[in-house]
Amino acid sequence: MMNRNMKAKRVLMGAVVLAVTAVIAAGGLAQEPAATSRIERLKTQIERVIRGRGGHVGVAVKHIESGESLAVNGDMLFPLASAFKVPILVELLYQVQEGRFSLDDEIIVEKSDQHLGSGMISNLAAPGLKLSVLNMAHFMMMISDNSATDILLGKVGAANVNARLKSLGIEGMSVNRTCQKLISDFLALRSPARTPEEMKAAIVKFGENPEDSSTPLAMNTFLEKITKKEILNPDYCDLVLAIMRKCETGEKRIKGELPPRTIVAHKTGTIAGTVNDCGILFLPDGAGRVVLTVLSKDFTADTADVEAIIAKIARFVYDYFYFTK
């Protein structure tokens, strides 16, 4: 009697095991979720850094050699601020390449060319100041000189910059106003603001203007094309990167938490609740190159607080691609 019962139980248990196995094979029972990919973990880290910070942050990342990439708010428009000087430089070199003028041509700076904001040219004596086109480009990119920028933008034309971006397949980026006009537009919004709420409203309104803006993905794609020498000729792409490597602004942004002597070719931008940095990280030991764009808007926090966000993101990106590639 007991032998028959034991045998029956074994038969029943075997049937149950077979049935469960069949159900699992057919996907009928919930299985353990697939492990999160490493790039998704990096994205999660970045999202945690920017969450609840009082403004908006957009990030685009791409490792040139592997093609691995991610984006957070990648299609959101952000003010470029002085980061718009990168497409101005590229258009300048296209026009040099086309023979319209030379990098050695000299430009006389008049008093009317000395504009508001960052840089050195506005503090020098004019007339009496003369710089080559190439040195103007260095001033524009190295110390983000607004006077040099506006002189060069007047030389190449904003419409030509935008037409060039379109011809290169860059959607979601535009260059429209001089630095002088950008600053004046914000000052006009800010001047009636008396309370923190009114100041916040002015900053948000400024950030809503689609002029002189870009999505993180658009800027990252543009920088990728420069890095891979898919635009201009190779020598001029090298010149763009060489000039960007000399950038003296924003030392606490992308470069803020990176190991000493890490090579970064980048351009910063700052205005009205916007703190930006975008560029190329050259990883050591043959680990490749990473294009990184971090754009922001709507912040009323100190610039240093937003710079810390950018620095943290850049360090996560560096560690991921250096230690996993």
C-alpha atoms as a PDB file:
ATOM      1  CA  MET A   1       0.000   0.000   0.000  1.00  0.00           C
ATOM      2  CA  MET A   2       2.764   2.472   1.002  1.00  0.00           C
ATOM      3  CA  ASN A   3       4.880   1.469  -2.013  1.00  0.00           C
ATOM      4  CA  ARG A   4       1.958   2.206  -4.305  1.00  0.00           C
ATOM      5  CA  ASN A   5       1.413   5.612  -2.593  1.00  0.00           C
ATOM      6  CA  MET A   6       5.087   6.536  -2.875  1.00  0.00           C
ATOM      7  CA  LYS A   7       5.140   5.554  -6.516  1.00  0.00           C
ATOM      8  CA  ALA A   8       2.032   7.634  -7.182  1.00  0.00           C
ATOM      9  CA  LYS A   9       3.584  10.646  -5.469  1.00  0.00           C
ATOM     10  CA  ARG A  10       6.753  10.343  -7.552  1.00  0.00           C
ATOM     11  CA  VAL A  11       4.720  10.157 -10.737  1.00  0.00           C
ATOM     12  CA  LEU A  12       2.696  13.209  -9.651  1.00  0.00           C
ATOM     13  CA  MET A  13       5.828  15.212  -8.762  1.00  0.00           C
ATOM     14  CA  GLY A  14       7.411  14.325 -12.087  1.00  0.00           C
ATOM     15  CA  ALA A  15       4.331  15.544 -13.907  1.00  0.00           C
ATOM     16  CA  VAL A  16       4.389  18.807 -11.964  1.00  0.00           C
ATOM     17  CA  VAL A  17       8.082  19.397 -12.776  1.00  0.00           C
ATOM     18  CA  LEU A  18       7.435  18.737 -16.459  1.00  0.00           C
ATOM     19  CA  ALA A  19       4.470  21.068 -16.458  1.00  0.00           C
ATOM     20  CA  VAL A  20       6.387  23.870 -14.741  1.00  0.00           C
ATOM     21  CA  THR A  21       9.318  23.441 -17.117  1.00  0.00           C
ATOM     22  CA  ALA A  22       6.980  23.658 -20.085  1.00  0.00           C
ATOM     23  CA  VAL A  23       5.322  26.800 -18.748  1.00  0.00           C
ATOM     24  CA  ILE A  24       8.679  28.511 -18.157  1.00  0.00           C
ATOM     25  CA  ALA A  25       9.876  27.537 -21.627  1.00  0.00           C
ATOM     26  CA  ALA A  26       6.735  29.068 -23.065  1.00  0.00           C
ATOM     27  CA  GLY A  27       7.260  32.274 -21.079  1.00  0.00           C
ATOM     28  CA  GLY A  28       4.194  31.689 -18.964  1.00  0.00           C
ATOM     29  CA  LEU A  29       5.919  32.453 -15.636  1.00  0.00           C
ATOM     30  CA  ALA A  30       7.704  35.662 -14.761  1.00  0.00           C
ATOM     31  CA  GLN A  31      11.446  35.243 -15.051  1.00  0.00           C
ATOM     32  CA  GLU A  32      14.229  37.260 -13.492  1.00  0.00           C
ATOM     33  CA  PRO A  33      14.603  40.574 -15.373  1.00  0.00           C
ATOM     34  CA  ALA A  34      17.616  40.785 -17.667  1.00  0.00           C
ATOM     35  CA  ALA A  35      20.606  42.441 -16.066  1.00  0.00           C
ATOM     36  CA  THR A  36      20.771  46.171 -16.776  1.00  0.00           C
ATOM     37  CA  SER A  37      23.406  46.886 -19.405  1.00  0.00           C
ATOM     38  CA  ARG A  38      26.456  48.823 -18.286  1.00  0.00           C
ATOM     39  CA  ILE A  39      25.630  51.822 -20.496  1.00  0.00           C
ATOM     40  CA  GLU A  40      22.148  51.915 -18.960  1.00  0.00           C
ATOM     41  CA  ARG A  41      23.727  51.997 -15.518  1.00  0.00           C
ATOM     42  CA  LEU A  42      25.813  54.977 -16.624  1.00  0.00           C
ATOM     43  CA  LYS A  43      22.651  56.683 -17.850  1.00  0.00           C
ATOM     44  CA  THR A  44      20.989  56.008 -14.489  1.00  0.00           C
ATOM     45  CA  GLN A  45      23.963  57.560 -12.681  1.00  0.00           C
ATOM     46  CA  ILE A  46      23.687  60.681 -14.814  1.00  0.00           C
ATOM     47  CA  GLU A  47      19.942  60.922 -14.264  1.00  0.00           C
ATOM     48  CA  ARG A  48      20.489  60.752 -10.502  1.00  0.00           C
ATOM     49  CA  VAL A  49      23.014  63.579 -10.653  1.00  0.00           C
ATOM     50  CA  ILE A  50      20.664  65.955 -12.482  1.00  0.00           C
ATOM     51  CA  ARG A  51      17.388  65.007 -10.793  1.00  0.00           C
ATOM     52  CA  GLY A  52      15.748  67.687  -8.648  1.00  0.00           C
ATOM     53  CA  ARG A  53      18.436  70.327  -9.107  1.00  0.00           C
ATOM     54  CA  GLY A  54      16.102  73.238  -9.887  1.00  0.00           C
ATOM     55  CA  GLY A  55      16.843  73.512 -13.589  1.00  0.00           C
ATOM     56  CA  HIS A  56      17.060  71.393 -16.712  1.00  0.00           C
ATOM     57  CA  VAL A  57      20.155  69.518 -17.861  1.00  0.00           C
ATOM     58  CA  GLY A  58      20.686  67.721 -21.158  1.00  0.00           C
ATOM     59  CA  VAL A  59      23.495  65.269 -21.829  1.00  0.00           C
ATOM     60  CA  ALA A  60      24.783  63.498 -24.932  1.00  0.00           C
ATOM     61  CA  VAL A  61      27.697  61.071 -24.907  1.00  0.00           C
ATOM     62  CA  LYS A  62      29.385  59.018 -27.632  1.00  0.00           C
ATOM     63  CA  HIS A  63      32.519  56.902 -27.612  1.00  0.00           C
ATOM     64  CA  ILE A  64      34.007  57.391 -31.077  1.00  0.00           C
ATOM     65  CA  GLU A  65      35.797  54.062 -31.409  1.00  0.00           C
ATOM     66  CA  SER A  66      33.004  51.750 -30.202  1.00  0.00           C
ATOM     67  CA  GLY A  67      30.022  53.876 -31.218  1.00  0.00           C
ATOM     68  CA  GLU A  68      28.458  53.327 -27.795  1.00  0.00           C
ATOM     69  CA  SER A  69      26.295  56.283 -26.823  1.00  0.00           C
ATOM     70  CA  LEU A  70      23.576  57.609 -24.557  1.00  0.00           C
ATOM     71  CA  ALA A  71      21.479  60.728 -24.117  1.00  0.00           C
ATOM     72  CA  VAL A  72      19.445  62.316 -21.333  1.00  0.00           C
ATOM     73  CA  ASN A  73      17.071  65.046 -22.534  1.00  0.00           C
ATOM     74  CA  GLY A  74      18.980  64.722 -25.776  1.00  0.00           C
ATOM     75  CA  ASP A  75      16.309  66.384 -27.932  1.00  0.00           C
ATOM     76  CA  MET A  76      15.537  69.288 -25.579  1.00  0.00           C
ATOM     77  CA  LEU A  77      16.556  72.767 -26.765  1.00  0.00           C
ATOM     78  CA  PHE A  78      18.989  74.706 -24.575  1.00  0.00           C
ATOM     79  CA  PRO A  79      20.609  78.130 -24.966  1.00  0.00           C
ATOM     80  CA  LEU A  80      24.108  77.628 -26.338  1.00  0.00           C
ATOM     81  CA  ALA A  81      25.576  80.766 -24.785  1.00  0.00           C
ATOM     82  CA  SER A  82      29.250  80.912 -25.787  1.00  0.00           C
ATOM     83  CA  ALA A  83      29.223  77.304 -26.976  1.00  0.00           C
ATOM     84  CA  PHE A  84      27.840  78.766 -30.217  1.00  0.00           C
ATOM     85  CA  LYS A  85      31.394  79.894 -30.919  1.00  0.00           C
ATOM     86  CA  VAL A  86      32.259  76.371 -32.119  1.00  0.00           C
ATOM     87  CA  PRO A  87      30.006  76.517 -35.218  1.00  0.00           C
ATOM     88  CA  ILE A  88      31.211  80.085 -35.856  1.00  0.00           C
ATOM     89  CA  LEU A  89      34.807  78.801 -35.885  1.00  0.00           C
ATOM     90  CA  VAL A  90      33.893  75.978 -38.254  1.00  0.00           C
ATOM     91  CA  GLU A  91      32.163  78.373 -40.680  1.00  0.00           C
ATOM     92  CA  LEU A  92      35.171  80.696 -40.482  1.00  0.00           C
ATOM     93  CA  LEU A  93      37.471  77.856 -41.548  1.00  0.00           C
ATOM     94  CA  TYR A  94      35.111  76.780 -44.323  1.00  0.00           C
ATOM     95  CA  GLN A  95      35.287  80.287 -45.777  1.00  0.00           C
ATOM     96  CA  VAL A  96      39.081  80.267 -45.468  1.00  0.00           C
ATOM     97  CA  GLN A  97      39.111  76.867 -47.190  1.00  0.00           C
ATOM     98  CA  GLU A  98      36.969  78.337 -49.967  1.00  0.00           C
ATOM     99  CA  GLY A  99      39.461  81.166 -50.461  1.00  0.00           C
ATOM    100  CA  ARG A 100      37.275  84.073 -49.298  1.00  0.00           C
ATOM    101  CA  PHE A 101      40.016  85.316 -46.979  1.00  0.00           C
ATOM    102  CA  SER A 102      43.110  84.075 -45.142  1.00  0.00           C
ATOM    103  CA  LEU A 103      43.818  83.264 -41.524  1.00  0.00           C
ATOM    104  CA  ASP A 104      46.704  85.726 -41.811  1.00  0.00           C
ATOM    105  CA  ASP A 105      44.469  88.627 -42.843  1.00  0.00           C
ATOM    106  CA  GLU A 106      44.529  91.387 -40.252  1.00  0.00           C
ATOM    107  CA  ILE A 107      41.499  93.016 -38.653  1.00  0.00           C
ATOM    108  CA  ILE A 108      41.629  96.497 -37.142  1.00  0.00           C
ATOM    109  CA  VAL A 109      39.542  96.731 -33.972  1.00  0.00           C
ATOM    110  CA  GLU A 110      37.469  99.902 -33.712  1.00  0.00           C
ATOM    111  CA  LYS A 111      35.919 101.315 -30.554  1.00  0.00           C
ATOM    112  CA  SER A 112      32.512 100.191 -31.825  1.00  0.00           C
ATOM    113  CA  ASP A 113      33.803  96.573 -31.974  1.00  0.00           C
ATOM    114  CA  GLN A 114      34.399  96.436 -28.218  1.00  0.00           C
ATOM    115  CA  HIS A 115      31.383  94.640 -26.801  1.00  0.00           C
ATOM    116  CA  LEU A 116      29.926  93.571 -23.468  1.00  0.00           C
ATOM    117  CA  GLY A 117      30.918  90.510 -21.510  1.00  0.00           C
ATOM    118  CA  SER A 118      33.828  88.143 -21.357  1.00  0.00           C
ATOM    119  CA  GLY A 119      37.233  88.538 -22.920  1.00  0.00           C
ATOM    120  CA  MET A 120      40.102  90.990 -23.168  1.00  0.00           C
ATOM    121  CA  ILE A 121      39.639  93.004 -26.353  1.00  0.00           C
ATOM    122  CA  SER A 122      37.007  95.276 -24.809  1.00  0.00           C
ATOM    123  CA  ASN A 123      39.581  96.364 -22.184  1.00  0.00           C
ATOM    124  CA  LEU A 124      42.289  97.370 -24.672  1.00  0.00           C
ATOM    125  CA  ALA A 125      42.838 100.681 -26.430  1.00  0.00           C
ATOM    126  CA  ALA A 126      41.045 101.020 -29.739  1.00  0.00           C
ATOM    127  CA  PRO A 127      41.694 102.135 -32.377  1.00  0.00           C
ATOM    128  CA  GLY A 128      45.288 100.995 -32.398  1.00  0.00           C
ATOM    129  CA  LEU A 129      44.617  97.276 -32.031  1.00  0.00           C
ATOM    130  CA  LYS A 130      45.118  94.908 -34.960  1.00  0.00           C
ATOM    131  CA  LEU A 131      44.793  91.111 -34.906  1.00  0.00           C
ATOM    132  CA  SER A 132      44.956  88.380 -37.527  1.00  0.00           C
ATOM    133  CA  VAL A 133      41.870  86.307 -38.248  1.00  0.00           C
ATOM    134  CA  LEU A 134      43.588  83.325 -36.614  1.00  0.00           C
ATOM    135  CA  ASN A 135      44.377  85.287 -33.454  1.00  0.00           C
ATOM    136  CA  MET A 136      40.776  86.533 -33.343  1.00  0.00           C
ATOM    137  CA  ALA A 137      39.696  82.876 -33.443  1.00  0.00           C
ATOM    138  CA  HIS A 138      42.062  82.077 -30.592  1.00  0.00           C
ATOM    139  CA  PHE A 139      40.653  84.934 -28.510  1.00  0.00           C
ATOM    140  CA  MET A 140      37.109  83.725 -29.255  1.00  0.00           C
ATOM    141  CA  MET A 141      37.754  80.141 -28.218  1.00  0.00           C
ATOM    142  CA  MET A 142      40.503  80.330 -25.593  1.00  0.00           C
ATOM    143  CA  ILE A 143      39.090  83.061 -23.361  1.00  0.00           C
ATOM    144  CA  SER A 144      35.617  83.251 -24.914  1.00  0.00           C
ATOM    145  CA  ASP A 145      36.187  86.847 -26.015  1.00  0.00           C
ATOM    146  CA  ASN A 146      32.831  88.350 -26.995  1.00  0.00           C
ATOM    147  CA  SER A 147      34.291  91.212 -29.036  1.00  0.00           C
ATOM    148  CA  ALA A 148      36.378  88.805 -31.127  1.00  0.00           C
ATOM    149  CA  THR A 149      33.324  86.605 -31.560  1.00  0.00           C
ATOM    150  CA  ASP A 150      31.098  89.407 -32.777  1.00  0.00           C
ATOM    151  CA  ILE A 151      33.779  90.622 -35.192  1.00  0.00           C
ATOM    152  CA  LEU A 152      34.133  87.129 -36.663  1.00  0.00           C
ATOM    153  CA  LEU A 153      30.380  86.506 -36.747  1.00  0.00           C
ATOM    154  CA  GLY A 154      29.996  89.763 -38.668  1.00  0.00           C
ATOM    155  CA  LYS A 155      32.681  88.564 -41.074  1.00  0.00           C
ATOM    156  CA  VAL A 156      31.186  85.140 -41.826  1.00  0.00           C
ATOM    157  CA  GLY A 157      27.467  85.919 -41.339  1.00  0.00           C
ATOM    158  CA  ALA A 158      25.006  84.117 -39.074  1.00  0.00           C
ATOM    159  CA  ALA A 159      22.919  83.015 -42.080  1.00  0.00           C
ATOM    160  CA  ASN A 160      25.983  81.282 -43.508  1.00  0.00           C
ATOM    161  CA  VAL A 161      26.644  79.507 -40.208  1.00  0.00           C
ATOM    162  CA  ASN A 162      23.099  78.134 -40.192  1.00  0.00           C
ATOM    163  CA  ALA A 163      23.214  77.164 -43.858  1.00  0.00           C
ATOM    164  CA  ARG A 164      26.451  75.299 -43.181  1.00  0.00           C
ATOM    165  CA  LEU A 165      24.956  73.433 -40.241  1.00  0.00           C
ATOM    166  CA  LYS A 166      22.030  72.400 -42.421  1.00  0.00           C
ATOM    167  CA  SER A 167      24.329  71.245 -45.223  1.00  0.00           C
ATOM    168  CA  LEU A 168      26.216  69.097 -42.713  1.00  0.00           C
ATOM    169  CA  GLY A 169      22.982  67.443 -41.581  1.00  0.00           C
ATOM    170  CA  ILE A 170      22.974  69.122 -38.164  1.00  0.00           C
ATOM    171  CA  GLU A 171      19.361  69.575 -37.108  1.00  0.00           C
ATOM    172  CA  GLY A 172      18.445  71.324 -33.868  1.00  0.00           C
ATOM    173  CA  MET A 173      21.192  73.962 -33.687  1.00  0.00           C
ATOM    174  CA  SER A 174      21.161  77.625 -34.691  1.00  0.00           C
ATOM    175  CA  VAL A 175      23.330  80.733 -34.400  1.00  0.00           C
ATOM    176  CA  ASN A 176      21.424  83.996 -34.691  1.00  0.00           C
ATOM    177  CA  ARG A 177      22.531  86.857 -32.446  1.00  0.00           C
ATOM    178  CA  THR A 178      25.791  88.518 -31.558  1.00  0.00           C
ATOM    179  CA  CYS A 179      27.085  88.181 -28.006  1.00  0.00           C
ATOM    180  CA  GLN A 180      26.165  91.834 -27.533  1.00  0.00           C
ATOM    181  CA  LYS A 181      22.557  91.156 -28.550  1.00  0.00           C
ATOM    182  CA  LEU A 182      22.345  88.014 -26.412  1.00  0.00           C
ATOM    183  CA  ILE A 183      23.426  89.899 -23.325  1.00  0.00           C
ATOM    184  CA  SER A 184      21.213  92.881 -24.108  1.00  0.00           C
ATOM    185  CA  ASP A 185      18.179  90.638 -24.561  1.00  0.00           C
ATOM    186  CA  PHE A 186      18.694  89.066 -21.161  1.00  0.00           C
ATOM    187  CA  LEU A 187      19.319  92.403 -19.465  1.00  0.00           C
ATOM    188  CA  ALA A 188      16.034  93.656 -20.893  1.00  0.00           C
ATOM    189  CA  LEU A 189      14.226  90.689 -19.338  1.00  0.00           C
ATOM    190  CA  ARG A 190      16.062  90.980 -16.037  1.00  0.00           C
ATOM    191  CA  SER A 191      15.811  94.739 -15.503  1.00  0.00           C
ATOM    192  CA  PRO A 192      12.223  94.766 -14.179  1.00  0.00           C
ATOM    193  CA  ALA A 193      12.809  91.722 -11.952  1.00  0.00           C
ATOM    194  CA  ARG A 194      12.746  92.611  -8.259  1.00  0.00           C
ATOM    195  CA  THR A 195      12.005  89.327  -6.503  1.00  0.00           C
ATOM    196  CA  PRO A 196      13.549  85.836  -6.779  1.00  0.00           C
ATOM    197  CA  GLU A 197      10.347  84.669  -8.474  1.00  0.00           C
ATOM    198  CA  GLU A 198      10.566  87.450 -11.068  1.00  0.00           C
ATOM    199  CA  MET A 199      14.226  86.658 -11.687  1.00  0.00           C
ATOM    200  CA  LYS A 200      13.396  82.981 -12.162  1.00  0.00           C
ATOM    201  CA  ALA A 201      10.664  83.957 -14.626  1.00  0.00           C
ATOM    202  CA  ALA A 202      13.133  86.108 -16.609  1.00  0.00           C
ATOM    203  CA  ILE A 203      15.638  83.253 -16.735  1.00  0.00           C
ATOM    204  CA  VAL A 204      12.997  80.766 -17.907  1.00  0.00           C
ATOM    205  CA  LYS A 205      11.722  83.189 -20.550  1.00  0.00           C
ATOM    206  CA  PHE A 206      15.246  83.716 -21.855  1.00  0.00           C
ATOM    207  CA  GLY A 207      15.725  79.954 -22.072  1.00  0.00           C
ATOM    208  CA  GLU A 208      12.537  79.565 -24.107  1.00  0.00           C
ATOM    209  CA  ASN A 209      13.935  81.600 -27.002  1.00  0.00           C
ATOM    210  CA  PRO A 210      14.796  79.137 -29.807  1.00  0.00           C
ATOM    211  CA  GLU A 211      17.512  81.417 -31.183  1.00  0.00           C
ATOM    212  CA  ASP A 212      21.144  80.551 -30.489  1.00  0.00           C
ATOM    213  CA  SER A 213      20.166  77.175 -29.124  1.00  0.00           C
ATOM    214  CA  SER A 214      20.926  73.512 -29.603  1.00  0.00           C
ATOM    215  CA  THR A 215      19.901  70.098 -28.462  1.00  0.00           C
ATOM    216  CA  PRO A 216      22.641  68.082 -26.750  1.00  0.00           C
ATOM    217  CA  LEU A 217      22.461  65.506 -29.545  1.00  0.00           C
ATOM    218  CA  ALA A 218      22.904  68.144 -32.261  1.00  0.00           C
ATOM    219  CA  MET A 219      26.017  69.586 -30.636  1.00  0.00           C
ATOM    220  CA  ASN A 220      27.427  66.143 -29.946  1.00  0.00           C
ATOM    221  CA  THR A 221      26.900  65.090 -33.561  1.00  0.00           C
ATOM    222  CA  PHE A 222      28.641  68.269 -34.715  1.00  0.00           C
ATOM    223  CA  LEU A 223      31.628  67.623 -32.447  1.00  0.00           C
ATOM    224  CA  GLU A 224      31.745  64.005 -33.572  1.00  0.00           C
ATOM    225  CA  LYS A 225      32.012  65.107 -37.215  1.00  0.00           C
ATOM    226  CA  ILE A 226      34.901  67.400 -36.304  1.00  0.00           C
ATOM    227  CA  THR A 227      36.649  64.659 -34.329  1.00  0.00           C
ATOM    228  CA  LYS A 228      36.234  62.086 -37.114  1.00  0.00           C
ATOM    229  CA  LYS A 229      37.288  64.697 -39.724  1.00  0.00           C
ATOM    230  CA  GLU A 230      34.076  64.315 -41.656  1.00  0.00           C
ATOM    231  CA  ILE A 231      33.872  68.077 -42.300  1.00  0.00           C
ATOM    232  CA  LEU A 232      36.360  70.672 -43.575  1.00  0.00           C
ATOM    233  CA  ASN A 233      39.705  69.198 -44.530  1.00  0.00           C
ATOM    234  CA  PRO A 234      41.697  67.149 -42.015  1.00  0.00           C
ATOM    235  CA  ASP A 235      44.160  69.963 -41.257  1.00  0.00           C
ATOM    236  CA  TYR A 236      41.376  72.373 -40.353  1.00  0.00           C
ATOM    237  CA  CYS A 237      39.655  69.764 -38.182  1.00  0.00           C
ATOM    238  CA  ASP A 238      42.969  69.351 -36.375  1.00  0.00           C
ATOM    239  CA  LEU A 239      43.156  73.128 -35.986  1.00  0.00           C
ATOM    240  CA  VAL A 240      39.666  73.278 -34.449  1.00  0.00           C
ATOM    241  CA  LEU A 241      40.610  70.600 -31.908  1.00  0.00           C
ATOM    242  CA  ALA A 242      43.976  72.227 -31.190  1.00  0.00           C
ATOM    243  CA  ILE A 243      42.302  75.562 -30.463  1.00  0.00           C
ATOM    244  CA  MET A 244      39.637  73.898 -28.312  1.00  0.00           C
ATOM    245  CA  ARG A 245      42.353  72.173 -26.294  1.00  0.00           C
ATOM    246  CA  LYS A 246      43.605  75.625 -25.301  1.00  0.00           C
ATOM    247  CA  CYS A 247      40.286  76.636 -23.723  1.00  0.00           C
ATOM    248  CA  GLU A 248      40.980  78.462 -20.453  1.00  0.00           C
ATOM    249  CA  THR A 249      37.400  78.840 -19.223  1.00  0.00           C
ATOM    250  CA  GLY A 250      35.335  76.379 -17.196  1.00  0.00           C
ATOM    251  CA  GLU A 251      38.148  74.529 -15.443  1.00  0.00           C
ATOM    252  CA  LYS A 252      35.620  73.179 -12.922  1.00  0.00           C
ATOM    253  CA  ARG A 253      33.206  71.823 -15.529  1.00  0.00           C
ATOM    254  CA  ILE A 254      34.128  68.837 -17.735  1.00  0.00           C
ATOM    255  CA  LYS A 255      37.718  68.936 -16.476  1.00  0.00           C
ATOM    256  CA  GLY A 256      36.720  69.513 -12.839  1.00  0.00           C
ATOM    257  CA  GLU A 257      36.975  65.937 -11.521  1.00  0.00           C
ATOM    258  CA  LEU A 258      39.045  64.291 -14.253  1.00  0.00           C
ATOM    259  CA  PRO A 259      42.532  62.975 -13.505  1.00  0.00           C
ATOM    260  CA  PRO A 260      45.274  65.594 -13.885  1.00  0.00           C
ATOM    261  CA  ARG A 261      46.648  66.048 -17.403  1.00  0.00           C
ATOM    262  CA  THR A 262      43.578  64.511 -19.039  1.00  0.00           C
ATOM    263  CA  ILE A 263      43.399  66.010 -22.529  1.00  0.00           C
ATOM    264  CA  VAL A 264      40.090  67.768 -23.204  1.00  0.00           C
ATOM    265  CA  ALA A 265      39.192  69.882 -26.252  1.00  0.00           C
ATOM    266  CA  HIS A 266      36.122  71.845 -25.206  1.00  0.00           C
ATOM    267  CA  LYS A 267      34.085  75.054 -25.232  1.00  0.00           C
ATOM    268  CA  THR A 268      32.034  76.490 -22.395  1.00  0.00           C
ATOM    269  CA  GLY A 269      29.054  78.809 -22.320  1.00  0.00           C
ATOM    270  CA  THR A 270      27.393  80.804 -19.528  1.00  0.00           C
ATOM    271  CA  ILE A 271      24.424  83.160 -19.473  1.00  0.00           C
ATOM    272  CA  ALA A 272      21.097  83.623 -17.685  1.00  0.00           C
ATOM    273  CA  GLY A 273      20.668  80.343 -15.826  1.00  0.00           C
ATOM    274  CA  THR A 274      22.673  78.448 -18.447  1.00  0.00           C
ATOM    275  CA  VAL A 275      26.005  76.778 -17.653  1.00  0.00           C
ATOM    276  CA  ASN A 276      27.364  74.648 -20.512  1.00  0.00           C
ATOM    277  CA  ASP A 277      30.400  72.666 -21.520  1.00  0.00           C
ATOM    278  CA  CYS A 278      30.911  70.469 -24.560  1.00  0.00           C
ATOM    279  CA  GLY A 279      33.946  68.787 -26.009  1.00  0.00           C
ATOM    280  CA  ILE A 280      36.064  65.723 -26.592  1.00  0.00           C
ATOM    281  CA  LEU A 281      37.796  63.675 -23.891  1.00  0.00           C
ATOM    282  CA  PHE A 282      40.981  61.953 -25.072  1.00  0.00           C
ATOM    283  CA  LEU A 283      41.231  58.898 -22.836  1.00  0.00           C
ATOM    284  CA  PRO A 284      44.689  57.608 -21.873  1.00  0.00           C
ATOM    285  CA  ASP A 285      46.220  54.235 -22.723  1.00  0.00           C
ATOM    286  CA  GLY A 286      44.501  53.947 -26.100  1.00  0.00           C
ATOM    287  CA  ALA A 287      41.007  53.842 -24.586  1.00  0.00           C
ATOM    288  CA  GLY A 288      39.686  56.133 -27.304  1.00  0.00           C
ATOM    289  CA  ARG A 289      37.855  59.437 -27.540  1.00  0.00           C
ATOM    290  CA  VAL A 290      34.545  60.437 -25.980  1.00  0.00           C
ATOM    291  CA  VAL A 291      32.393  63.285 -27.251  1.00  0.00           C
ATOM    292  CA  LEU A 292      30.457  64.830 -24.365  1.00  0.00           C
ATOM    293  CA  THR A 293      27.903  67.642 -24.355  1.00  0.00           C
ATOM    294  CA  VAL A 294      26.288  68.947 -21.168  1.00  0.00           C
ATOM    295  CA  LEU A 295      23.823  71.829 -21.629  1.00  0.00           C
ATOM    296  CA  SER A 296      21.632  73.446 -18.985  1.00  0.00           C
ATOM    297  CA  LYS A 297      18.967  76.113 -18.497  1.00  0.00           C
ATOM    298  CA  ASP A 298      16.547  77.609 -15.940  1.00  0.00           C
ATOM    299  CA  PHE A 299      19.012  77.521 -13.030  1.00  0.00           C
ATOM    300  CA  THR A 300      18.982  80.160 -10.320  1.00  0.00           C
ATOM    301  CA  ALA A 301      21.684  78.348  -8.359  1.00  0.00           C
ATOM    302  CA  ASP A 302      25.252  79.606  -8.256  1.00  0.00           C
ATOM    303  CA  THR A 303      27.288  78.803 -11.344  1.00  0.00           C
ATOM    304  CA  ALA A 304      29.585  76.689  -9.162  1.00  0.00           C
ATOM    305  CA  ASP A 305      26.699  74.382  -8.251  1.00  0.00           C
ATOM    306  CA  VAL A 306      25.926  73.669 -11.899  1.00  0.00           C
ATOM    307  CA  GLU A 307      29.619  73.295 -12.688  1.00  0.00           C
ATOM    308  CA  ALA A 308      29.760  70.574 -10.029  1.00  0.00           C
ATOM    309  CA  ILE A 309      26.962  68.705 -11.832  1.00  0.00           C
ATOM    310  CA  ILE A 310      28.879  68.868 -15.118  1.00  0.00           C
ATOM    311  CA  ALA A 311      32.096  67.718 -13.424  1.00  0.00           C
ATOM    312  CA  LYS A 312      30.361  64.737 -11.814  1.00  0.00           C
ATOM    313  CA  ILE A 313      28.794  63.678 -15.120  1.00  0.00           C
ATOM    314  CA  ALA A 314      32.135  63.956 -16.903  1.00  0.00           C
ATOM    315  CA  ARG A 315      33.835  61.803 -14.269  1.00  0.00           C
ATOM    316  CA  PHE A 316      31.183  59.095 -14.554  1.00  0.00           C
ATOM    317  CA  VAL A 317      31.624  59.140 -18.338  1.00  0.00           C
ATOM    318  CA  TYR A 318      35.416  59.012 -18.094  1.00  0.00           C
ATOM    319  CA  ASP A 319      35.406  56.105 -15.643  1.00  0.00           C
ATOM    320  CA  TYR A 320      32.878  54.123 -17.666  1.00  0.00           C
ATOM    321  CA  PHE A 321      34.705  54.309 -20.983  1.00  0.00           C
ATOM    322  CA  TYR A 322      38.219  54.100 -19.549  1.00  0.00           C
ATOM    323  CA  PHE A 323      37.587  51.087 -17.356  1.00  0.00           C
ATOM    324  CA  THR A 324      35.214  49.143 -19.639  1.00  0.00           C
ATOM    325  CA  LYS A 325      36.786  49.637 -23.065  1.00  0.00           C
END
